[in-house]
């Protein structure tokens, strides 16, 4: 399979480009305000996720997918 010429970037390159765009569009003060507005939140997401996902199995997820509206509407059989 041939893919079109795609310019893959590292996460660091993407972040640097995003910062440049934000500074250009928001100005330095607006960029700083934007960055300062981020809140990492509290708690342990990994532990929380394990608790709310503890009842899921591969079979239950597969069954939910098979019963979903999307799958039912887009079946080709």
Foldseek 3Di string as FASTA:
>chain_A
DDDPDDDDDDPVVVVVVVLVVCCVVLNPVRSVVVVVPDDPDDDDVVVVVCVVCVPDDPVVVVVCVCPDPVNVVPDDD
